[in-house]
Protein backbone atom coordinates (compact mmCIF):
# COMPACT_ATOMS: atom_id res chain seq x y z
CA UNK A 1 0.00 0.00 0.00
CA UNK A 2 1.48 3.35 -0.97
CA UNK A 3 1.00 6.63 0.88
CA UNK A 4 -1.83 7.93 -1.32
CA UNK A 5 -3.73 4.65 -1.00
CA UNK A 6 -3.21 4.67 2.77
CA UNK A 7 -4.53 8.23 3.00
CA UNK A 8 -7.66 7.37 1.00
CA UNK A 9 -8.27 4.31 3.18
CA UNK A 10 -7.91 6.48 6.28
CA UNK A 11 -10.41 8.98 4.89
CA UNK A 12 -12.83 6.19 3.95
CA UNK A 13 -12.71 4.99 7.55
CA UNK A 14 -13.25 8.41 9.11
CA UNK A 15 -9.62 9.11 10.04
CA UNK A 16 -9.12 12.53 8.48
CA UNK A 17 -5.97 13.79 10.16
CA UNK A 18 -2.63 12.45 11.38
CA UNK A 19 -3.86 13.09 14.94
CA UNK A 20 -6.88 10.87 14.38
CA UNK A 21 -4.79 8.17 12.72
CA UNK A 22 -2.20 8.02 15.50
CA UNK A 23 -4.90 8.36 18.18
CA UNK A 24 -6.72 5.31 16.88
CA UNK A 25 -3.43 3.51 16.29
CA UNK A 26 -2.52 4.06 19.95
CA UNK A 27 -5.94 2.75 20.99
CA UNK A 28 -5.36 -0.46 19.04
CA UNK A 29 -1.68 -0.97 19.80
CA UNK A 30 -1.48 0.23 23.39
CA UNK A 31 2.01 -1.17 23.97
CA UNK A 32 3.52 0.35 20.83
CA UNK A 33 4.51 3.95 21.50
CA UNK A 34 7.30 4.31 18.97
CA UNK A 35 5.07 6.14 16.46
CA UNK A 36 3.72 9.67 16.74
CA UNK A 37 1.75 12.24 14.78
CA UNK A 38 4.69 12.91 12.46
CA UNK A 39 4.83 9.23 11.52
CA UNK A 40 1.11 9.22 10.76
CA UNK A 41 1.55 12.35 8.65
CA UNK A 42 4.30 10.65 6.64
CA UNK A 43 2.21 7.48 6.26
CA UNK A 44 -0.58 9.61 4.79
CA UNK A 45 1.44 12.07 2.69
CA UNK A 46 4.77 10.44 1.97
CA UNK A 47 7.84 12.62 1.64
CA UNK A 48 8.29 15.45 -0.82
CA UNK A 49 10.92 13.43 -2.66
CA UNK A 50 9.19 10.06 -2.62
CA UNK A 51 7.29 7.41 -0.77
CA UNK A 52 7.51 6.79 2.94
CA UNK A 53 7.30 3.17 4.01
CA UNK A 54 4.18 2.60 6.08
CA UNK A 55 4.63 0.39 9.10
CA UNK A 56 2.93 -2.98 8.63
CA UNK A 57 0.94 -2.53 11.85
CA UNK A 58 -0.63 0.65 10.43
CA UNK A 59 -1.64 -1.23 7.29
CA UNK A 60 -3.08 -4.02 9.46
CA UNK A 61 -5.08 -1.38 11.37
CA UNK A 62 -6.60 -0.12 8.10
CA UNK A 63 -7.33 -3.68 6.94
CA UNK A 64 -9.04 -4.36 10.28
CA UNK A 65 -11.18 -1.22 9.92
CA UNK A 66 -12.14 -2.23 6.38
CA UNK A 67 -13.18 -5.69 7.56
CA UNK A 68 -15.25 -4.29 10.43
CA UNK A 69 -16.78 -1.72 8.10
CA UNK A 70 -17.80 -4.35 5.53
CA UNK A 71 -19.38 -6.54 8.20
CA UNK A 72 -21.28 -3.64 9.79
CA UNK A 73 -22.59 -2.45 6.43
CA UNK A 74 -23.67 -5.97 5.41
CA UNK A 75 -25.48 -6.44 8.74
CA UNK A 76 -27.20 -3.07 8.49
CA UNK A 77 -28.32 -3.77 4.91
CA UNK A 78 -29.96 -6.98 6.13
CA UNK A 79 -31.75 -5.04 8.89
CA UNK A 80 -32.89 -2.43 6.37
CA UNK A 81 -34.36 -5.17 4.17
CA UNK A 82 -36.38 -6.27 7.20
CA UNK A 83 -37.35 -2.63 7.82
CA UNK A 84 -35.46 -2.67 11.14
CA UNK A 85 -32.44 -0.39 10.68
CA UNK A 86 -30.28 0.32 13.74
CA UNK A 87 -28.12 3.12 12.37
CA UNK A 88 -30.73 5.88 12.35
CA UNK A 89 -29.05 8.45 14.61
CA UNK A 90 -25.98 10.60 14.25
CA UNK A 91 -23.85 11.16 17.33
CA UNK A 92 -21.86 14.13 18.60
CA UNK A 93 -19.92 12.21 21.25
CA UNK A 94 -18.17 8.85 21.09
CA UNK A 95 -19.45 7.86 24.54
CA UNK A 96 -23.05 8.22 23.33
CA UNK A 97 -22.28 6.19 20.22
CA UNK A 98 -20.63 3.46 22.27
CA UNK A 99 -23.51 3.40 24.74
CA UNK A 100 -26.07 2.82 22.00
CA UNK A 101 -23.96 0.66 19.67
CA UNK A 102 -21.76 -1.61 21.77
CA UNK A 103 -20.31 -3.18 18.62
CA UNK A 104 -18.60 0.16 17.91
CA UNK A 105 -16.79 0.57 21.25
CA UNK A 106 -13.34 2.11 20.71
CA UNK A 107 -14.06 2.91 17.08
CA UNK A 108 -13.83 6.59 16.13
CA UNK A 109 -17.01 8.62 15.82
CA UNK A 110 -16.13 9.56 12.24
CA UNK A 111 -15.85 5.85 11.38
CA UNK A 112 -19.56 5.48 12.16
CA UNK A 113 -20.42 8.69 10.31
CA UNK A 114 -18.53 7.47 7.24
CA UNK A 115 -20.68 4.32 7.27
CA UNK A 116 -23.82 6.48 7.28
CA UNK A 117 -22.46 8.40 4.30
CA UNK A 118 -21.52 5.27 2.38
CA UNK A 119 -24.99 3.84 2.92
CA UNK A 120 -26.63 7.14 1.86
CA UNK A 121 -28.38 7.38 5.22
CA UNK A 122 -28.97 11.12 5.29
CA UNK A 123 -32.42 11.09 6.94
CA UNK A 124 -31.07 10.92 10.48
CA UNK A 125 -31.37 13.04 13.59
CA UNK A 126 -28.73 13.84 16.15
CA UNK A 127 -28.91 11.45 19.08
CA UNK A 128 -28.75 14.25 21.67
CA UNK A 129 -31.52 16.24 20.01
CA UNK A 130 -34.16 13.54 20.46
CA UNK A 131 -34.85 14.33 24.11
CA UNK A 132 -35.02 18.04 23.29
CA UNK A 133 -37.59 17.34 20.56
CA UNK A 134 -39.64 15.21 22.97
CA UNK A 135 -39.52 17.98 25.61
CA UNK A 136 -40.71 20.52 23.02
CA UNK A 137 -43.67 18.29 22.08
CA UNK A 138 -44.71 17.97 25.72
CA UNK A 139 -44.81 21.75 26.20
CA UNK A 140 -47.60 22.26 23.63
C-alpha atoms as a PDB file:
ATOM      1  CA  UNK A   1       0.000   0.000   0.000  1.00  0.00           C
ATOM      2  CA  UNK A   2       1.482   3.346  -0.973  1.00  0.00           C
ATOM      3  CA  UNK A   3       0.996   6.627   0.882  1.00  0.00           C
ATOM      4  CA  UNK A   4      -1.827   7.932  -1.316  1.00  0.00           C
ATOM      5  CA  UNK A   5      -3.730   4.652  -1.004  1.00  0.00           C
ATOM      6  CA  UNK A   6      -3.208   4.667   2.767  1.00  0.00           C
ATOM      7  CA  UNK A   7      -4.534   8.233   3.001  1.00  0.00           C
ATOM      8  CA  UNK A   8      -7.660   7.367   0.997  1.00  0.00           C
ATOM      9  CA  UNK A   9      -8.272   4.310   3.176  1.00  0.00           C
ATOM     10  CA  UNK A  10      -7.907   6.479   6.276  1.00  0.00           C
ATOM     11  CA  UNK A  11     -10.414   8.982   4.889  1.00  0.00           C
ATOM     12  CA  UNK A  12     -12.825   6.190   3.953  1.00  0.00           C
ATOM     13  CA  UNK A  13     -12.711   4.991   7.548  1.00  0.00           C
ATOM     14  CA  UNK A  14     -13.247   8.407   9.113  1.00  0.00           C
ATOM     15  CA  UNK A  15      -9.625   9.106  10.040  1.00  0.00           C
ATOM     16  CA  UNK A  16      -9.122  12.527   8.476  1.00  0.00           C
ATOM     17  CA  UNK A  17      -5.969  13.793  10.163  1.00  0.00           C
ATOM     18  CA  UNK A  18      -2.632  12.451  11.383  1.00  0.00           C
ATOM     19  CA  UNK A  19      -3.855  13.093  14.944  1.00  0.00           C
ATOM     20  CA  UNK A  20      -6.879  10.873  14.381  1.00  0.00           C
ATOM     21  CA  UNK A  21      -4.791   8.168  12.721  1.00  0.00           C
ATOM     22  CA  UNK A  22      -2.202   8.019  15.500  1.00  0.00           C
ATOM     23  CA  UNK A  23      -4.898   8.364  18.177  1.00  0.00           C
ATOM     24  CA  UNK A  24      -6.724   5.311  16.882  1.00  0.00           C
ATOM     25  CA  UNK A  25      -3.426   3.507  16.287  1.00  0.00           C
ATOM     26  CA  UNK A  26      -2.518   4.059  19.945  1.00  0.00           C
ATOM     27  CA  UNK A  27      -5.937   2.746  20.989  1.00  0.00           C
ATOM     28  CA  UNK A  28      -5.357  -0.463  19.035  1.00  0.00           C
ATOM     29  CA  UNK A  29      -1.676  -0.967  19.800  1.00  0.00           C
ATOM     30  CA  UNK A  30      -1.483   0.228  23.394  1.00  0.00           C
ATOM     31  CA  UNK A  31       2.010  -1.165  23.975  1.00  0.00           C
ATOM     32  CA  UNK A  32       3.522   0.351  20.828  1.00  0.00           C
ATOM     33  CA  UNK A  33       4.506   3.950  21.498  1.00  0.00           C
ATOM     34  CA  UNK A  34       7.303   4.309  18.969  1.00  0.00           C
ATOM     35  CA  UNK A  35       5.072   6.136  16.458  1.00  0.00           C
ATOM     36  CA  UNK A  36       3.722   9.665  16.744  1.00  0.00           C
ATOM     37  CA  UNK A  37       1.745  12.242  14.780  1.00  0.00           C
ATOM     38  CA  UNK A  38       4.690  12.911  12.460  1.00  0.00           C
ATOM     39  CA  UNK A  39       4.833   9.229  11.516  1.00  0.00           C
ATOM     40  CA  UNK A  40       1.109   9.221  10.755  1.00  0.00           C
ATOM     41  CA  UNK A  41       1.545  12.347   8.652  1.00  0.00           C
ATOM     42  CA  UNK A  42       4.300  10.647   6.645  1.00  0.00           C
ATOM     43  CA  UNK A  43       2.207   7.479   6.255  1.00  0.00           C
ATOM     44  CA  UNK A  44      -0.577   9.612   4.792  1.00  0.00           C
ATOM     45  CA  UNK A  45       1.439  12.073   2.694  1.00  0.00           C
ATOM     46  CA  UNK A  46       4.774  10.436   1.972  1.00  0.00           C
ATOM     47  CA  UNK A  47       7.840  12.617   1.642  1.00  0.00           C
ATOM     48  CA  UNK A  48       8.292  15.451  -0.820  1.00  0.00           C
ATOM     49  CA  UNK A  49      10.922  13.432  -2.658  1.00  0.00           C
ATOM     50  CA  UNK A  50       9.193  10.060  -2.624  1.00  0.00           C
ATOM     51  CA  UNK A  51       7.292   7.409  -0.770  1.00  0.00           C
ATOM     52  CA  UNK A  52       7.512   6.785   2.941  1.00  0.00           C
ATOM     53  CA  UNK A  53       7.303   3.166   4.008  1.00  0.00           C
ATOM     54  CA  UNK A  54       4.179   2.597   6.077  1.00  0.00           C
ATOM     55  CA  UNK A  55       4.635   0.391   9.099  1.00  0.00           C
ATOM     56  CA  UNK A  56       2.925  -2.978   8.632  1.00  0.00           C
ATOM     57  CA  UNK A  57       0.938  -2.526  11.852  1.00  0.00           C
ATOM     58  CA  UNK A  58      -0.629   0.655  10.431  1.00  0.00           C
ATOM     59  CA  UNK A  59      -1.642  -1.235   7.288  1.00  0.00           C
ATOM     60  CA  UNK A  60      -3.083  -4.016   9.457  1.00  0.00           C
ATOM     61  CA  UNK A  61      -5.077  -1.384  11.365  1.00  0.00           C
ATOM     62  CA  UNK A  62      -6.600  -0.124   8.100  1.00  0.00           C
ATOM     63  CA  UNK A  63      -7.332  -3.678   6.942  1.00  0.00           C
ATOM     64  CA  UNK A  64      -9.037  -4.364  10.280  1.00  0.00           C
ATOM     65  CA  UNK A  65     -11.176  -1.220   9.920  1.00  0.00           C
ATOM     66  CA  UNK A  66     -12.135  -2.227   6.376  1.00  0.00           C
ATOM     67  CA  UNK A  67     -13.178  -5.689   7.555  1.00  0.00           C
ATOM     68  CA  UNK A  68     -15.251  -4.294  10.434  1.00  0.00           C
ATOM     69  CA  UNK A  69     -16.775  -1.718   8.098  1.00  0.00           C
ATOM     70  CA  UNK A  70     -17.800  -4.351   5.527  1.00  0.00           C
ATOM     71  CA  UNK A  71     -19.376  -6.539   8.204  1.00  0.00           C
ATOM     72  CA  UNK A  72     -21.282  -3.641   9.791  1.00  0.00           C
ATOM     73  CA  UNK A  73     -22.594  -2.449   6.429  1.00  0.00           C
ATOM     74  CA  UNK A  74     -23.670  -5.965   5.415  1.00  0.00           C
ATOM     75  CA  UNK A  75     -25.481  -6.440   8.741  1.00  0.00           C
ATOM     76  CA  UNK A  76     -27.201  -3.066   8.489  1.00  0.00           C
ATOM     77  CA  UNK A  77     -28.318  -3.771   4.910  1.00  0.00           C
ATOM     78  CA  UNK A  78     -29.958  -6.981   6.135  1.00  0.00           C
ATOM     79  CA  UNK A  79     -31.745  -5.037   8.886  1.00  0.00           C
ATOM     80  CA  UNK A  80     -32.890  -2.428   6.371  1.00  0.00           C
ATOM     81  CA  UNK A  81     -34.357  -5.173   4.166  1.00  0.00           C
ATOM     82  CA  UNK A  82     -36.381  -6.274   7.202  1.00  0.00           C
ATOM     83  CA  UNK A  83     -37.349  -2.625   7.822  1.00  0.00           C
ATOM     84  CA  UNK A  84     -35.457  -2.671  11.144  1.00  0.00           C
ATOM     85  CA  UNK A  85     -32.440  -0.390  10.678  1.00  0.00           C
ATOM     86  CA  UNK A  86     -30.285   0.320  13.739  1.00  0.00           C
ATOM     87  CA  UNK A  87     -28.123   3.122  12.369  1.00  0.00           C
ATOM     88  CA  UNK A  88     -30.732   5.877  12.353  1.00  0.00           C
ATOM     89  CA  UNK A  89     -29.052   8.446  14.610  1.00  0.00           C
ATOM     90  CA  UNK A  90     -25.978  10.595  14.252  1.00  0.00           C
ATOM     91  CA  UNK A  91     -23.845  11.158  17.331  1.00  0.00           C
ATOM     92  CA  UNK A  92     -21.860  14.129  18.595  1.00  0.00           C
ATOM     93  CA  UNK A  93     -19.918  12.205  21.246  1.00  0.00           C
ATOM     94  CA  UNK A  94     -18.173   8.854  21.088  1.00  0.00           C
ATOM     95  CA  UNK A  95     -19.448   7.858  24.536  1.00  0.00           C
ATOM     96  CA  UNK A  96     -23.050   8.225  23.330  1.00  0.00           C
ATOM     97  CA  UNK A  97     -22.281   6.192  20.216  1.00  0.00           C
ATOM     98  CA  UNK A  98     -20.628   3.465  22.270  1.00  0.00           C
ATOM     99  CA  UNK A  99     -23.510   3.395  24.745  1.00  0.00           C
ATOM    100  CA  UNK A 100     -26.073   2.819  21.996  1.00  0.00           C
ATOM    101  CA  UNK A 101     -23.962   0.657  19.666  1.00  0.00           C
ATOM    102  CA  UNK A 102     -21.760  -1.608  21.773  1.00  0.00           C
ATOM    103  CA  UNK A 103     -20.309  -3.177  18.622  1.00  0.00           C
ATOM    104  CA  UNK A 104     -18.601   0.160  17.908  1.00  0.00           C
ATOM    105  CA  UNK A 105     -16.790   0.574  21.245  1.00  0.00           C
ATOM    106  CA  UNK A 106     -13.338   2.115  20.714  1.00  0.00           C
ATOM    107  CA  UNK A 107     -14.061   2.912  17.078  1.00  0.00           C
ATOM    108  CA  UNK A 108     -13.827   6.591  16.132  1.00  0.00           C
ATOM    109  CA  UNK A 109     -17.010   8.624  15.821  1.00  0.00           C
ATOM    110  CA  UNK A 110     -16.133   9.561  12.240  1.00  0.00           C
ATOM    111  CA  UNK A 111     -15.852   5.849  11.381  1.00  0.00           C
ATOM    112  CA  UNK A 112     -19.558   5.480  12.164  1.00  0.00           C
ATOM    113  CA  UNK A 113     -20.423   8.688  10.311  1.00  0.00           C
ATOM    114  CA  UNK A 114     -18.535   7.468   7.239  1.00  0.00           C
ATOM    115  CA  UNK A 115     -20.684   4.318   7.271  1.00  0.00           C
ATOM    116  CA  UNK A 116     -23.824   6.476   7.284  1.00  0.00           C
ATOM    117  CA  UNK A 117     -22.461   8.405   4.303  1.00  0.00           C
ATOM    118  CA  UNK A 118     -21.515   5.269   2.375  1.00  0.00           C
ATOM    119  CA  UNK A 119     -24.992   3.842   2.923  1.00  0.00           C
ATOM    120  CA  UNK A 120     -26.632   7.142   1.864  1.00  0.00           C
ATOM    121  CA  UNK A 121     -28.384   7.382   5.219  1.00  0.00           C
ATOM    122  CA  UNK A 122     -28.973  11.117   5.295  1.00  0.00           C
ATOM    123  CA  UNK A 123     -32.416  11.094   6.936  1.00  0.00           C
ATOM    124  CA  UNK A 124     -31.068  10.915  10.477  1.00  0.00           C
ATOM    125  CA  UNK A 125     -31.373  13.038  13.591  1.00  0.00           C
ATOM    126  CA  UNK A 126     -28.730  13.842  16.145  1.00  0.00           C
ATOM    127  CA  UNK A 127     -28.915  11.454  19.079  1.00  0.00           C
ATOM    128  CA  UNK A 128     -28.747  14.247  21.670  1.00  0.00           C
ATOM    129  CA  UNK A 129     -31.524  16.242  20.011  1.00  0.00           C
ATOM    130  CA  UNK A 130     -34.159  13.537  20.460  1.00  0.00           C
ATOM    131  CA  UNK A 131     -34.847  14.330  24.105  1.00  0.00           C
ATOM    132  CA  UNK A 132     -35.022  18.038  23.288  1.00  0.00           C
ATOM    133  CA  UNK A 133     -37.590  17.343  20.560  1.00  0.00           C
ATOM    134  CA  UNK A 134     -39.636  15.214  22.972  1.00  0.00           C
ATOM    135  CA  UNK A 135     -39.522  17.975  25.606  1.00  0.00           C
ATOM    136  CA  UNK A 136     -40.710  20.518  23.022  1.00  0.00           C
ATOM    137  CA  UNK A 137     -43.670  18.287  22.081  1.00  0.00           C
ATOM    138  CA  UNK A 138     -44.710  17.969  25.724  1.00  0.00           C
ATOM    139  CA  UNK A 139     -44.815  21.750  26.202  1.00  0.00           C
ATOM    140  CA  UNK A 140     -47.595  22.261  23.630  1.00  0.00           C
END
